Amino acid sequence: MVIRIALLFAALLLSSCGYHLRGAYALPSDLKKVYVTGGTPQLHEQFKQIMKASSGQLLTSPEGASIVVKITNEDFRRRALSLSSRGKSNEFELLYHLEYELTNSKNTALTELLPLEIKREYFNDQQDIMAKDNEEAVIRKEMYEQAVRSIVNRARVVLEAKAK
């Protein structure tokens, strides 16, 4: 009997803690259908994943979209921060920059052109080159994900302000 009560109590605690799937957002109803124009395939893939995890939909055309995200001036740079005694790069900085504008499906601007910049640094171990290449790919994916989250958060704020 005590075990059942403990299990029931644990289930209640877990259900009330606000747990949700990683990457999922509670999107407002007017942000469930998004169309993205411009940007790299990696950025589009992150949009698709976040929208799917949040019960939203990434549309293939602006018709029916509640918001349109126009990506411009997207750029990914990699720069060496420090060198070893043999002239090999020990540390890198990744810089992801883009500009975006939010409009509705009728092409009415909801925001002006907004910049977004994300930086990451990582150590490049010369003894394990293969693992470091994989690490950079993971960091790039996380940077794309952070960019999409920032854009979705901005869109949420813009739509909430418009509704008031």
C-alpha atoms as a PDB file:
ATOM      1  CA  MET A   1       0.000   0.000   0.000  1.00  0.00           C
ATOM      2  CA  VAL A   2       2.828   2.388   0.870  1.00  0.00           C
ATOM      3  CA  ILE A   3       4.512   1.674  -2.469  1.00  0.00           C
ATOM      4  CA  ARG A   4       1.324   2.531  -4.365  1.00  0.00           C
ATOM      5  CA  ILE A   5       0.972   5.812  -2.521  1.00  0.00           C
ATOM      6  CA  ALA A   6       4.639   6.654  -3.192  1.00  0.00           C
ATOM      7  CA  LEU A   7       4.223   5.863  -6.900  1.00  0.00           C
ATOM      8  CA  LEU A   8       1.054   7.960  -7.093  1.00  0.00           C
ATOM      9  CA  PHE A   9       2.820  10.842  -5.340  1.00  0.00           C
ATOM     10  CA  ALA A  10       5.826  10.585  -7.710  1.00  0.00           C
ATOM     11  CA  ALA A  11       3.510  10.560 -10.744  1.00  0.00           C
ATOM     12  CA  LEU A  12       1.730  13.673  -9.487  1.00  0.00           C
ATOM     13  CA  LEU A  13       5.025  15.466  -8.931  1.00  0.00           C
ATOM     14  CA  LEU A  14       6.301  14.631 -12.412  1.00  0.00           C
ATOM     15  CA  SER A  15       3.070  15.626 -14.121  1.00  0.00           C
ATOM     16  CA  SER A  16       2.942  18.982 -12.365  1.00  0.00           C
ATOM     17  CA  CYS A  17       6.583  19.961 -12.906  1.00  0.00           C
ATOM     18  CA  GLY A  18       5.937  21.375 -16.373  1.00  0.00           C
ATOM     19  CA  TYR A  19       7.871  18.656 -18.177  1.00  0.00           C
ATOM     20  CA  HIS A  20       7.591  18.767 -21.973  1.00  0.00           C
ATOM     21  CA  LEU A  21       9.501  17.238 -24.847  1.00  0.00           C
ATOM     22  CA  ARG A  22      12.838  18.791 -25.696  1.00  0.00           C
ATOM     23  CA  GLY A  23      12.436  21.328 -28.479  1.00  0.00           C
ATOM     24  CA  ALA A  24       8.699  21.695 -27.926  1.00  0.00           C
ATOM     25  CA  TYR A  25       7.116  25.104 -27.541  1.00  0.00           C
ATOM     26  CA  ALA A  26       3.636  26.060 -26.470  1.00  0.00           C
ATOM     27  CA  LEU A  27       2.879  28.026 -29.624  1.00  0.00           C
ATOM     28  CA  PRO A  28      -0.035  30.444 -29.755  1.00  0.00           C
ATOM     29  CA  SER A  29      -2.671  29.505 -32.325  1.00  0.00           C
ATOM     30  CA  ASP A  30      -1.605  32.298 -34.698  1.00  0.00           C
ATOM     31  CA  LEU A  31       1.949  30.896 -34.817  1.00  0.00           C
ATOM     32  CA  LYS A  32       1.026  27.318 -35.749  1.00  0.00           C
ATOM     33  CA  LYS A  33       1.540  27.826 -39.499  1.00  0.00           C
ATOM     34  CA  VAL A  34       4.842  29.380 -40.556  1.00  0.00           C
ATOM     35  CA  TYR A  35       6.438  29.890 -43.949  1.00  0.00           C
ATOM     36  CA  VAL A  36      10.192  30.534 -44.242  1.00  0.00           C
ATOM     37  CA  THR A  37      11.774  32.094 -47.294  1.00  0.00           C
ATOM     38  CA  GLY A  38      15.528  32.317 -47.784  1.00  0.00           C
ATOM     39  CA  GLY A  39      18.081  30.680 -45.555  1.00  0.00           C
ATOM     40  CA  THR A  40      20.049  27.475 -45.780  1.00  0.00           C
ATOM     41  CA  PRO A  41      18.604  23.948 -45.821  1.00  0.00           C
ATOM     42  CA  GLN A  42      20.019  23.411 -42.308  1.00  0.00           C
ATOM     43  CA  LEU A  43      18.025  26.373 -40.990  1.00  0.00           C
ATOM     44  CA  HIS A  44      14.870  25.128 -42.735  1.00  0.00           C
ATOM     45  CA  GLU A  45      15.392  21.675 -41.201  1.00  0.00           C
ATOM     46  CA  GLN A  46      15.618  23.170 -37.713  1.00  0.00           C
ATOM     47  CA  PHE A  47      12.434  25.174 -38.344  1.00  0.00           C
ATOM     48  CA  LYS A  48      10.699  21.998 -39.467  1.00  0.00           C
ATOM     49  CA  GLN A  49      11.822  20.054 -36.389  1.00  0.00           C
ATOM     50  CA  ILE A  50      10.832  22.756 -33.903  1.00  0.00           C
ATOM     51  CA  MET A  51       7.463  23.320 -35.546  1.00  0.00           C
ATOM     52  CA  LYS A  52       6.760  19.573 -35.612  1.00  0.00           C
ATOM     53  CA  ALA A  53       7.735  19.160 -31.940  1.00  0.00           C
ATOM     54  CA  SER A  54       5.452  22.092 -31.063  1.00  0.00           C
ATOM     55  CA  SER A  55       2.410  20.841 -33.010  1.00  0.00           C
ATOM     56  CA  GLY A  56       2.986  23.497 -35.622  1.00  0.00           C
ATOM     57  CA  GLN A  57       3.526  23.285 -39.341  1.00  0.00           C
ATOM     58  CA  LEU A  58       6.195  24.633 -41.673  1.00  0.00           C
ATOM     59  CA  LEU A  59       4.380  25.467 -44.900  1.00  0.00           C
ATOM     60  CA  THR A  60       5.785  25.202 -48.418  1.00  0.00           C
ATOM     61  CA  SER A  61       4.056  28.401 -49.612  1.00  0.00           C
ATOM     62  CA  PRO A  62       3.002  31.658 -47.930  1.00  0.00           C
ATOM     63  CA  GLU A  63      -0.707  31.005 -48.561  1.00  0.00           C
ATOM     64  CA  GLY A  64      -2.354  30.086 -45.288  1.00  0.00           C
ATOM     65  CA  ALA A  65       0.660  31.056 -43.189  1.00  0.00           C
ATOM     66  CA  SER A  66      -0.022  33.116 -40.102  1.00  0.00           C
ATOM     67  CA  ILE A  67       3.517  34.466 -40.254  1.00  0.00           C
ATOM     68  CA  VAL A  68       6.228  34.577 -42.912  1.00  0.00           C
ATOM     69  CA  VAL A  69       9.899  34.663 -41.935  1.00  0.00           C
ATOM     70  CA  LYS A  70      12.146  36.251 -44.567  1.00  0.00           C
ATOM     71  CA  ILE A  71      15.809  35.301 -44.027  1.00  0.00           C
ATOM     72  CA  THR A  72      18.507  37.460 -45.647  1.00  0.00           C
ATOM     73  CA  ASN A  73      22.267  37.918 -45.350  1.00  0.00           C
ATOM     74  CA  GLU A  74      22.883  34.539 -43.728  1.00  0.00           C
ATOM     75  CA  ASP A  75      26.577  33.906 -43.070  1.00  0.00           C
ATOM     76  CA  PHE A  76      28.548  31.273 -41.125  1.00  0.00           C
ATOM     77  CA  ARG A  77      32.193  32.029 -40.323  1.00  0.00           C
ATOM     78  CA  ARG A  78      34.958  30.089 -38.628  1.00  0.00           C
ATOM     79  CA  ARG A  79      38.004  31.840 -37.264  1.00  0.00           C
ATOM     80  CA  ALA A  80      41.106  30.611 -35.424  1.00  0.00           C
ATOM     81  CA  LEU A  81      41.479  32.172 -31.982  1.00  0.00           C
ATOM     82  CA  SER A  82      44.789  30.658 -30.895  1.00  0.00           C
ATOM     83  CA  LEU A  83      47.644  28.675 -32.425  1.00  0.00           C
ATOM     84  CA  SER A  84      49.866  25.935 -31.025  1.00  0.00           C
ATOM     85  CA  SER A  85      53.669  26.127 -31.078  1.00  0.00           C
ATOM     86  CA  ARG A  86      53.547  24.178 -34.371  1.00  0.00           C
ATOM     87  CA  GLY A  87      51.217  26.705 -36.001  1.00  0.00           C
ATOM     88  CA  LYS A  88      48.068  24.561 -35.761  1.00  0.00           C
ATOM     89  CA  SER A  89      44.803  26.086 -34.558  1.00  0.00           C
ATOM     90  CA  ASN A  90      44.056  25.273 -30.916  1.00  0.00           C
ATOM     91  CA  GLU A  91      40.823  27.172 -30.558  1.00  0.00           C
ATOM     92  CA  PHE A  92      38.124  28.267 -33.007  1.00  0.00           C
ATOM     93  CA  GLU A  93      35.273  30.728 -32.944  1.00  0.00           C
ATOM     94  CA  LEU A  94      32.128  30.008 -34.940  1.00  0.00           C
ATOM     95  CA  LEU A  95      30.049  33.050 -35.865  1.00  0.00           C
ATOM     96  CA  TYR A  96      26.557  32.706 -37.304  1.00  0.00           C
ATOM     97  CA  HIS A  97      24.899  35.876 -38.551  1.00  0.00           C
ATOM     98  CA  LEU A  98      21.602  36.440 -40.307  1.00  0.00           C
ATOM     99  CA  GLU A  99      18.985  39.118 -40.750  1.00  0.00           C
ATOM    100  CA  TYR A 100      15.276  38.400 -40.845  1.00  0.00           C
ATOM    101  CA  GLU A 101      11.962  40.143 -41.236  1.00  0.00           C
ATOM    102  CA  LEU A 102       8.552  38.977 -40.070  1.00  0.00           C
ATOM    103  CA  THR A 103       5.530  39.590 -42.292  1.00  0.00           C
ATOM    104  CA  ASN A 104       2.021  38.238 -42.525  1.00  0.00           C
ATOM    105  CA  SER A 105       0.781  36.166 -45.466  1.00  0.00           C
ATOM    106  CA  LYS A 106      -0.277  39.366 -47.279  1.00  0.00           C
ATOM    107  CA  ASN A 107       3.346  40.601 -47.164  1.00  0.00           C
ATOM    108  CA  THR A 108       2.596  43.332 -44.605  1.00  0.00           C
ATOM    109  CA  ALA A 109       5.711  43.895 -42.500  1.00  0.00           C
ATOM    110  CA  LEU A 110       5.299  43.067 -38.799  1.00  0.00           C
ATOM    111  CA  THR A 111       8.921  43.992 -38.000  1.00  0.00           C
ATOM    112  CA  GLU A 112      11.752  45.782 -39.688  1.00  0.00           C
ATOM    113  CA  LEU A 113      14.845  43.838 -40.725  1.00  0.00           C
ATOM    114  CA  LEU A 114      16.276  42.368 -37.491  1.00  0.00           C
ATOM    115  CA  PRO A 115      19.859  41.122 -37.026  1.00  0.00           C
ATOM    116  CA  LEU A 116      20.687  37.897 -35.195  1.00  0.00           C
ATOM    117  CA  GLU A 117      24.219  36.856 -34.262  1.00  0.00           C
ATOM    118  CA  ILE A 118      25.342  33.745 -32.395  1.00  0.00           C
ATOM    119  CA  LYS A 119      28.927  32.995 -31.341  1.00  0.00           C
ATOM    120  CA  ARG A 120      30.517  29.815 -30.049  1.00  0.00           C
ATOM    121  CA  GLU A 121      34.096  28.906 -29.203  1.00  0.00           C
ATOM    122  CA  TYR A 122      35.585  25.455 -28.959  1.00  0.00           C
ATOM    123  CA  PHE A 123      38.981  23.891 -28.314  1.00  0.00           C
ATOM    124  CA  ASN A 124      40.583  21.981 -31.188  1.00  0.00           C
ATOM    125  CA  ASP A 125      42.517  19.009 -29.783  1.00  0.00           C
ATOM    126  CA  GLN A 126      45.198  18.118 -32.361  1.00  0.00           C
ATOM    127  CA  GLN A 127      45.287  14.536 -31.055  1.00  0.00           C
ATOM    128  CA  ASP A 128      41.646  13.811 -31.887  1.00  0.00           C
ATOM    129  CA  ILE A 129      40.871  15.533 -35.189  1.00  0.00           C
ATOM    130  CA  MET A 130      37.925  13.277 -36.195  1.00  0.00           C
ATOM    131  CA  ALA A 131      36.056  13.919 -32.946  1.00  0.00           C
ATOM    132  CA  LYS A 132      36.583  17.662 -33.273  1.00  0.00           C
ATOM    133  CA  ASP A 133      35.066  17.691 -36.767  1.00  0.00           C
ATOM    134  CA  ASN A 134      32.015  15.971 -35.303  1.00  0.00           C
ATOM    135  CA  GLU A 135      31.974  18.443 -32.397  1.00  0.00           C
ATOM    136  CA  GLU A 136      31.901  21.377 -34.815  1.00  0.00           C
ATOM    137  CA  ALA A 137      28.961  19.832 -36.687  1.00  0.00           C
ATOM    138  CA  VAL A 138      27.053  19.427 -33.403  1.00  0.00           C
ATOM    139  CA  ILE A 139      27.822  23.018 -32.401  1.00  0.00           C
ATOM    140  CA  ARG A 140      26.644  24.303 -35.792  1.00  0.00           C
ATOM    141  CA  LYS A 141      23.384  22.361 -35.438  1.00  0.00           C
ATOM    142  CA  GLU A 142      22.860  23.851 -31.968  1.00  0.00           C
ATOM    143  CA  MET A 143      23.522  27.329 -33.368  1.00  0.00           C
ATOM    144  CA  TYR A 144      20.860  26.822 -36.057  1.00  0.00           C
ATOM    145  CA  GLU A 145      18.471  25.607 -33.361  1.00  0.00           C
ATOM    146  CA  GLN A 146      19.183  28.645 -31.192  1.00  0.00           C
ATOM    147  CA  ALA A 147      18.577  30.935 -34.181  1.00  0.00           C
ATOM    148  CA  VAL A 148      15.200  29.326 -34.861  1.00  0.00           C
ATOM    149  CA  ARG A 149      14.220  29.574 -31.188  1.00  0.00           C
ATOM    150  CA  SER A 150      15.154  33.261 -31.167  1.00  0.00           C
ATOM    151  CA  ILE A 151      13.103  33.921 -34.305  1.00  0.00           C
ATOM    152  CA  VAL A 152      10.095  31.995 -32.938  1.00  0.00           C
ATOM    153  CA  ASN A 153      10.309  33.877 -29.635  1.00  0.00           C
ATOM    154  CA  ARG A 154      10.429  37.214 -31.460  1.00  0.00           C
ATOM    155  CA  ALA A 155       7.464  36.185 -33.614  1.00  0.00           C
ATOM    156  CA  ARG A 156       5.525  35.236 -30.478  1.00  0.00           C
ATOM    157  CA  VAL A 157       6.209  38.650 -28.919  1.00  0.00           C
ATOM    158  CA  VAL A 158       5.239  40.471 -32.125  1.00  0.00           C
ATOM    159  CA  LEU A 159       1.975  38.536 -32.453  1.00  0.00           C
ATOM    160  CA  GLU A 160       1.092  39.050 -28.786  1.00  0.00           C
ATOM    161  CA  ALA A 161       1.733  42.797 -29.086  1.00  0.00           C
ATOM    162  CA  LYS A 162      -0.381  42.932 -32.246  1.00  0.00           C
ATOM    163  CA  ALA A 163      -3.267  41.155 -30.474  1.00  0.00           C
ATOM    164  CA  LYS A 164      -3.392  43.766 -27.690  1.00  0.00           C
END
